[in-house]
């Protein structure tokens, strides 16, 4: 069955860095656009970053642009999100998303807390 398993979240001080990973299985990873979303308490889920299936296209939310890098390894069926210069407002549950046409898959999320 389809699985998207996020990891790498945790507690980090402001200014710190984290690398999130999303390991996937059960679908043709290299055919899907992969994205990271996040949802903070009391807020709607928002798109953080997306990467095309061949890594040629990447987009970022303005809130993380210049501080984050999305990447993927199609041989490992894994997508990553490197986040630097973390701020308290980056605190959220981060979700991995796979999209191809109308087909969507979601992971269960990983919590990121940015606090001193």
N, C-alpha and C. Protein backbone atom coordinates (compact mmCIF):
# COMPACT_ATOMS: atom_id res chain seq x y z
N UNK A 1 0.84 -1.18 0.00
CA UNK A 1 0.00 0.00 0.00
C UNK A 1 0.88 1.25 0.00
N UNK A 2 0.25 2.38 -0.26
CA UNK A 2 0.98 3.64 -0.32
C UNK A 2 1.37 4.07 1.09
N UNK A 3 2.64 4.45 1.22
CA UNK A 3 3.12 4.96 2.50
C UNK A 3 4.02 6.16 2.27
N UNK A 4 3.81 7.20 3.08
CA UNK A 4 4.70 8.35 3.14
C UNK A 4 5.02 8.55 4.61
N UNK A 5 6.27 8.42 4.96
CA UNK A 5 6.67 8.47 6.36
C UNK A 5 7.68 9.58 6.57
N UNK A 6 7.24 10.62 7.28
CA UNK A 6 8.11 11.76 7.55
C UNK A 6 8.95 11.48 8.79
N UNK A 7 10.12 12.09 8.82
CA UNK A 7 10.99 12.02 9.98
C UNK A 7 11.89 13.25 10.00
N UNK A 8 12.56 13.43 11.13
CA UNK A 8 13.52 14.54 11.23
C UNK A 8 13.02 15.74 12.01
N UNK A 9 11.78 15.71 12.43
CA UNK A 9 11.27 16.81 13.23
C UNK A 9 11.82 16.77 14.64
N UNK A 10 11.50 17.82 15.39
CA UNK A 10 11.95 17.87 16.78
C UNK A 10 11.98 19.28 17.29
N UNK A 11 12.65 19.44 18.41
CA UNK A 11 12.79 20.75 19.05
C UNK A 11 14.13 21.36 18.65
N UNK A 12 14.10 22.58 18.19
CA UNK A 12 15.32 23.27 17.79
C UNK A 12 15.24 24.72 18.23
N UNK A 13 16.37 25.29 18.55
CA UNK A 13 16.41 26.69 18.97
C UNK A 13 16.29 27.62 17.77
N UNK A 14 15.79 28.81 17.98
CA UNK A 14 15.76 29.78 16.88
C UNK A 14 17.15 29.97 16.28
N UNK A 15 17.18 30.02 14.96
CA UNK A 15 18.45 30.11 14.25
C UNK A 15 19.04 28.77 13.88
N UNK A 16 18.46 27.71 14.40
CA UNK A 16 18.98 26.38 14.12
C UNK A 16 18.49 25.82 12.80
N UNK A 17 18.85 24.56 12.55
CA UNK A 17 18.52 23.90 11.29
C UNK A 17 17.94 22.52 11.55
N UNK A 18 17.13 22.09 10.60
CA UNK A 18 16.59 20.74 10.61
C UNK A 18 16.54 20.23 9.18
N UNK A 19 16.64 18.93 9.03
CA UNK A 19 16.44 18.31 7.73
C UNK A 19 15.33 17.28 7.87
N UNK A 20 14.23 17.55 7.21
CA UNK A 20 13.12 16.61 7.22
C UNK A 20 13.26 15.65 6.05
N UNK A 21 12.84 14.41 6.29
CA UNK A 21 12.85 13.39 5.25
C UNK A 21 11.46 12.79 5.13
N UNK A 22 11.13 12.36 3.93
CA UNK A 22 9.87 11.66 3.70
C UNK A 22 10.17 10.45 2.83
N UNK A 23 10.16 9.30 3.45
CA UNK A 23 10.40 8.05 2.73
C UNK A 23 9.07 7.50 2.23
N UNK A 24 9.03 7.12 0.96
CA UNK A 24 7.76 6.69 0.37
C UNK A 24 7.86 5.29 -0.22
N UNK A 25 6.71 4.69 -0.40
CA UNK A 25 6.62 3.39 -1.05
C UNK A 25 5.20 3.19 -1.54
N UNK A 26 5.04 2.25 -2.46
CA UNK A 26 3.70 1.89 -2.92
C UNK A 26 3.19 2.65 -4.12
N UNK A 27 3.99 3.56 -4.66
CA UNK A 27 3.61 4.27 -5.88
C UNK A 27 4.88 4.64 -6.64
N UNK A 28 4.72 5.08 -7.88
CA UNK A 28 5.87 5.39 -8.72
C UNK A 28 6.36 6.78 -8.37
N UNK A 29 7.25 6.85 -7.41
CA UNK A 29 7.72 8.10 -6.83
C UNK A 29 8.18 9.09 -7.91
N UNK A 30 8.93 8.62 -8.88
CA UNK A 30 9.54 9.50 -9.88
C UNK A 30 8.51 10.15 -10.79
N UNK A 31 7.26 9.74 -10.72
CA UNK A 31 6.21 10.32 -11.56
C UNK A 31 5.41 11.39 -10.84
N UNK A 32 5.72 11.62 -9.59
CA UNK A 32 4.91 12.50 -8.76
C UNK A 32 5.63 13.79 -8.41
N UNK A 33 4.88 14.88 -8.39
CA UNK A 33 5.34 16.11 -7.78
C UNK A 33 5.29 15.91 -6.28
N UNK A 34 6.37 16.28 -5.61
CA UNK A 34 6.43 16.12 -4.17
C UNK A 34 6.44 17.49 -3.50
N UNK A 35 5.76 17.57 -2.39
CA UNK A 35 5.64 18.85 -1.69
C UNK A 35 5.72 18.63 -0.19
N UNK A 36 6.06 19.72 0.47
CA UNK A 36 5.97 19.79 1.94
C UNK A 36 4.94 20.86 2.27
N UNK A 37 4.04 20.51 3.17
CA UNK A 37 3.07 21.43 3.73
C UNK A 37 3.31 21.51 5.23
N UNK A 38 2.74 22.53 5.84
CA UNK A 38 2.80 22.62 7.29
C UNK A 38 1.49 23.20 7.82
N UNK A 39 1.21 22.84 9.06
CA UNK A 39 0.02 23.35 9.71
C UNK A 39 0.34 23.68 11.16
N UNK A 40 0.21 24.95 11.47
CA UNK A 40 0.42 25.42 12.84
C UNK A 40 -0.91 25.37 13.58
N UNK A 41 -0.85 25.32 14.91
CA UNK A 41 -2.09 25.27 15.70
C UNK A 41 -3.01 26.44 15.36
N UNK A 42 -4.27 26.14 15.07
CA UNK A 42 -5.24 27.18 14.79
C UNK A 42 -5.15 27.79 13.42
N UNK A 43 -4.27 27.25 12.57
CA UNK A 43 -4.09 27.80 11.23
C UNK A 43 -4.36 26.74 10.18
N UNK A 44 -4.60 27.21 8.96
CA UNK A 44 -4.81 26.29 7.86
C UNK A 44 -3.48 25.70 7.40
N UNK A 45 -3.59 24.52 6.79
CA UNK A 45 -2.41 23.91 6.22
C UNK A 45 -1.93 24.76 5.04
N UNK A 46 -0.62 24.98 4.97
CA UNK A 46 -0.07 25.81 3.92
C UNK A 46 1.07 25.09 3.20
N UNK A 47 1.22 25.41 1.93
CA UNK A 47 2.29 24.85 1.13
C UNK A 47 3.61 25.51 1.50
N UNK A 48 4.62 24.70 1.75
CA UNK A 48 5.95 25.21 2.09
C UNK A 48 6.86 25.18 0.86
N UNK A 49 6.91 24.05 0.18
CA UNK A 49 7.79 23.90 -0.97
C UNK A 49 7.34 22.73 -1.83
N UNK A 50 7.63 22.82 -3.12
CA UNK A 50 7.32 21.74 -4.05
C UNK A 50 8.50 21.51 -4.97
N UNK A 51 8.60 20.27 -5.47
CA UNK A 51 9.66 19.93 -6.41
C UNK A 51 9.07 19.04 -7.50
N UNK A 52 9.44 19.33 -8.74
CA UNK A 52 8.93 18.54 -9.86
C UNK A 52 9.52 17.14 -9.83
N UNK A 53 8.96 16.26 -10.67
CA UNK A 53 9.39 14.86 -10.61
C UNK A 53 10.85 14.67 -10.99
N UNK A 54 11.39 15.56 -11.84
CA UNK A 54 12.79 15.43 -12.26
C UNK A 54 13.69 16.45 -11.59
N UNK A 55 13.19 17.14 -10.57
CA UNK A 55 13.92 18.13 -9.78
C UNK A 55 14.25 19.41 -10.53
N UNK A 56 13.73 19.57 -11.74
CA UNK A 56 14.04 20.79 -12.51
C UNK A 56 13.27 22.00 -12.03
N UNK A 57 12.15 21.77 -11.39
CA UNK A 57 11.34 22.88 -10.91
C UNK A 57 11.14 22.82 -9.41
N UNK A 58 11.36 23.96 -8.75
CA UNK A 58 11.16 24.03 -7.31
C UNK A 58 10.47 25.35 -6.99
N UNK A 59 9.54 25.31 -6.09
CA UNK A 59 8.87 26.52 -5.64
C UNK A 59 8.85 26.54 -4.13
N UNK A 60 8.82 27.75 -3.59
CA UNK A 60 8.85 27.94 -2.14
C UNK A 60 7.84 29.00 -1.73
N UNK A 61 7.30 28.81 -0.53
CA UNK A 61 6.49 29.87 0.05
C UNK A 61 7.41 31.04 0.39
N UNK A 62 6.87 32.23 0.30
CA UNK A 62 7.68 33.42 0.61
C UNK A 62 8.24 33.35 2.03
N UNK A 63 7.49 32.72 2.93
CA UNK A 63 7.90 32.67 4.34
C UNK A 63 9.15 31.85 4.57
N UNK A 64 9.50 30.96 3.64
CA UNK A 64 10.68 30.10 3.83
C UNK A 64 11.72 30.31 2.73
N UNK A 65 11.40 31.12 1.73
CA UNK A 65 12.31 31.30 0.62
C UNK A 65 13.64 31.86 1.12
N UNK A 66 14.73 31.26 0.64
CA UNK A 66 16.05 31.68 1.06
C UNK A 66 16.55 30.98 2.31
N UNK A 67 15.65 30.30 3.01
CA UNK A 67 16.03 29.59 4.24
C UNK A 67 15.85 28.08 4.11
N UNK A 68 15.17 27.66 3.07
CA UNK A 68 14.84 26.24 2.94
C UNK A 68 15.18 25.73 1.54
N UNK A 69 15.48 24.44 1.48
CA UNK A 69 15.77 23.79 0.20
C UNK A 69 15.05 22.46 0.16
N UNK A 70 14.25 22.27 -0.89
CA UNK A 70 13.61 20.98 -1.10
C UNK A 70 14.42 20.20 -2.12
N UNK A 71 14.56 18.91 -1.89
CA UNK A 71 15.30 18.05 -2.81
C UNK A 71 14.67 16.67 -2.79
N UNK A 72 15.05 15.86 -3.76
CA UNK A 72 14.52 14.49 -3.82
C UNK A 72 15.57 13.56 -4.36
N UNK A 73 15.43 12.30 -3.99
CA UNK A 73 16.29 11.25 -4.50
C UNK A 73 15.35 10.18 -5.06
N UNK A 74 15.21 10.16 -6.37
CA UNK A 74 14.28 9.22 -6.99
C UNK A 74 14.73 7.76 -6.86
N UNK A 75 16.02 7.57 -6.64
CA UNK A 75 16.52 6.20 -6.44
C UNK A 75 16.13 5.68 -5.06
N UNK A 76 15.95 6.60 -4.12
CA UNK A 76 15.59 6.20 -2.75
C UNK A 76 14.12 6.47 -2.44
N UNK A 77 13.37 7.00 -3.42
CA UNK A 77 11.96 7.31 -3.21
C UNK A 77 11.76 8.22 -2.00
N UNK A 78 12.62 9.19 -1.87
CA UNK A 78 12.61 10.05 -0.69
C UNK A 78 12.71 11.52 -1.09
N UNK A 79 11.97 12.33 -0.36
CA UNK A 79 12.05 13.78 -0.55
C UNK A 79 12.51 14.40 0.76
N UNK A 80 13.25 15.51 0.65
CA UNK A 80 13.84 16.15 1.81
C UNK A 80 13.45 17.63 1.87
N UNK A 81 13.50 18.16 3.07
CA UNK A 81 13.36 19.60 3.25
C UNK A 81 14.41 20.04 4.26
N UNK A 82 15.39 20.78 3.76
CA UNK A 82 16.41 21.36 4.62
C UNK A 82 15.94 22.75 5.04
N UNK A 83 15.85 22.97 6.32
CA UNK A 83 15.40 24.26 6.83
C UNK A 83 16.49 24.87 7.70
N UNK A 84 16.87 26.09 7.39
CA UNK A 84 17.90 26.81 8.13
C UNK A 84 17.31 28.09 8.72
N UNK A 85 18.07 28.68 9.61
CA UNK A 85 17.66 29.94 10.24
C UNK A 85 16.22 29.86 10.73
N UNK A 86 15.93 28.80 11.44
CA UNK A 86 14.55 28.56 11.87
C UNK A 86 14.06 29.63 12.83
N UNK A 87 12.78 29.92 12.71
CA UNK A 87 12.13 30.95 13.52
C UNK A 87 10.99 30.30 14.32
N UNK A 88 10.59 30.91 15.42
CA UNK A 88 9.46 30.36 16.18
C UNK A 88 8.21 30.18 15.31
N UNK A 89 8.02 31.04 14.34
CA UNK A 89 6.83 30.93 13.48
C UNK A 89 6.91 29.76 12.51
N UNK A 90 8.03 29.06 12.48
CA UNK A 90 8.13 27.84 11.68
C UNK A 90 7.57 26.63 12.45
N UNK A 91 7.22 26.82 13.69
CA UNK A 91 6.66 25.74 14.49
C UNK A 91 5.35 25.26 13.87
N UNK A 92 5.28 23.96 13.59
CA UNK A 92 4.11 23.39 12.92
C UNK A 92 4.31 21.90 12.78
N UNK A 93 3.26 21.22 12.37
CA UNK A 93 3.38 19.85 11.90
C UNK A 93 3.65 19.93 10.39
N UNK A 94 4.70 19.25 9.96
CA UNK A 94 5.09 19.27 8.56
C UNK A 94 4.66 17.96 7.90
N UNK A 95 3.98 18.11 6.77
CA UNK A 95 3.43 16.97 6.05
C UNK A 95 4.07 16.84 4.67
N UNK A 96 4.30 15.61 4.29
CA UNK A 96 4.78 15.29 2.96
C UNK A 96 3.57 14.99 2.08
N UNK A 97 3.63 15.43 0.83
CA UNK A 97 2.52 15.25 -0.10
C UNK A 97 3.03 14.81 -1.46
N UNK A 98 2.35 13.85 -2.05
CA UNK A 98 2.66 13.39 -3.40
C UNK A 98 1.45 13.68 -4.28
N UNK A 99 1.71 14.26 -5.45
CA UNK A 99 0.59 14.63 -6.34
C UNK A 99 0.91 14.28 -7.79
N UNK A 100 -0.07 13.63 -8.41
CA UNK A 100 0.00 13.38 -9.85
C UNK A 100 -1.42 13.49 -10.37
N UNK A 101 -1.68 14.53 -11.12
CA UNK A 101 -3.04 14.76 -11.58
C UNK A 101 -3.96 14.96 -10.38
N UNK A 102 -5.02 14.18 -10.31
CA UNK A 102 -5.98 14.27 -9.21
C UNK A 102 -5.64 13.33 -8.07
N UNK A 103 -4.57 12.59 -8.21
CA UNK A 103 -4.18 11.64 -7.17
C UNK A 103 -3.29 12.33 -6.14
N UNK A 104 -3.68 12.22 -4.88
CA UNK A 104 -2.94 12.85 -3.78
C UNK A 104 -2.67 11.82 -2.71
N UNK A 105 -1.48 11.86 -2.18
CA UNK A 105 -1.14 11.05 -1.01
C UNK A 105 -0.52 11.95 0.04
N UNK A 106 -0.80 11.63 1.31
CA UNK A 106 -0.28 12.42 2.43
C UNK A 106 0.42 11.52 3.44
N UNK A 107 1.43 12.09 4.06
CA UNK A 107 2.04 11.41 5.19
C UNK A 107 1.32 11.79 6.47
N UNK A 108 1.81 11.25 7.59
CA UNK A 108 1.14 11.47 8.87
C UNK A 108 1.66 12.71 9.58
N UNK A 109 2.77 13.25 9.10
CA UNK A 109 3.29 14.49 9.65
C UNK A 109 4.39 14.28 10.67
N UNK A 110 5.23 15.29 10.80
CA UNK A 110 6.28 15.31 11.82
C UNK A 110 6.29 16.69 12.46
N UNK A 111 6.38 16.71 13.77
CA UNK A 111 6.28 17.97 14.51
C UNK A 111 7.63 18.68 14.54
N UNK A 112 7.60 19.96 14.24
CA UNK A 112 8.77 20.82 14.37
C UNK A 112 8.43 21.93 15.37
N UNK A 113 9.24 22.03 16.39
CA UNK A 113 9.07 23.08 17.39
C UNK A 113 10.33 23.93 17.43
N UNK A 114 10.16 25.23 17.23
CA UNK A 114 11.29 26.16 17.28
C UNK A 114 11.10 27.05 18.50
N UNK A 115 11.94 26.81 19.49
CA UNK A 115 11.78 27.53 20.75
C UNK A 115 13.09 27.54 21.50
N UNK A 116 13.29 28.61 22.27
CA UNK A 116 14.46 28.68 23.13
C UNK A 116 14.12 28.17 24.53
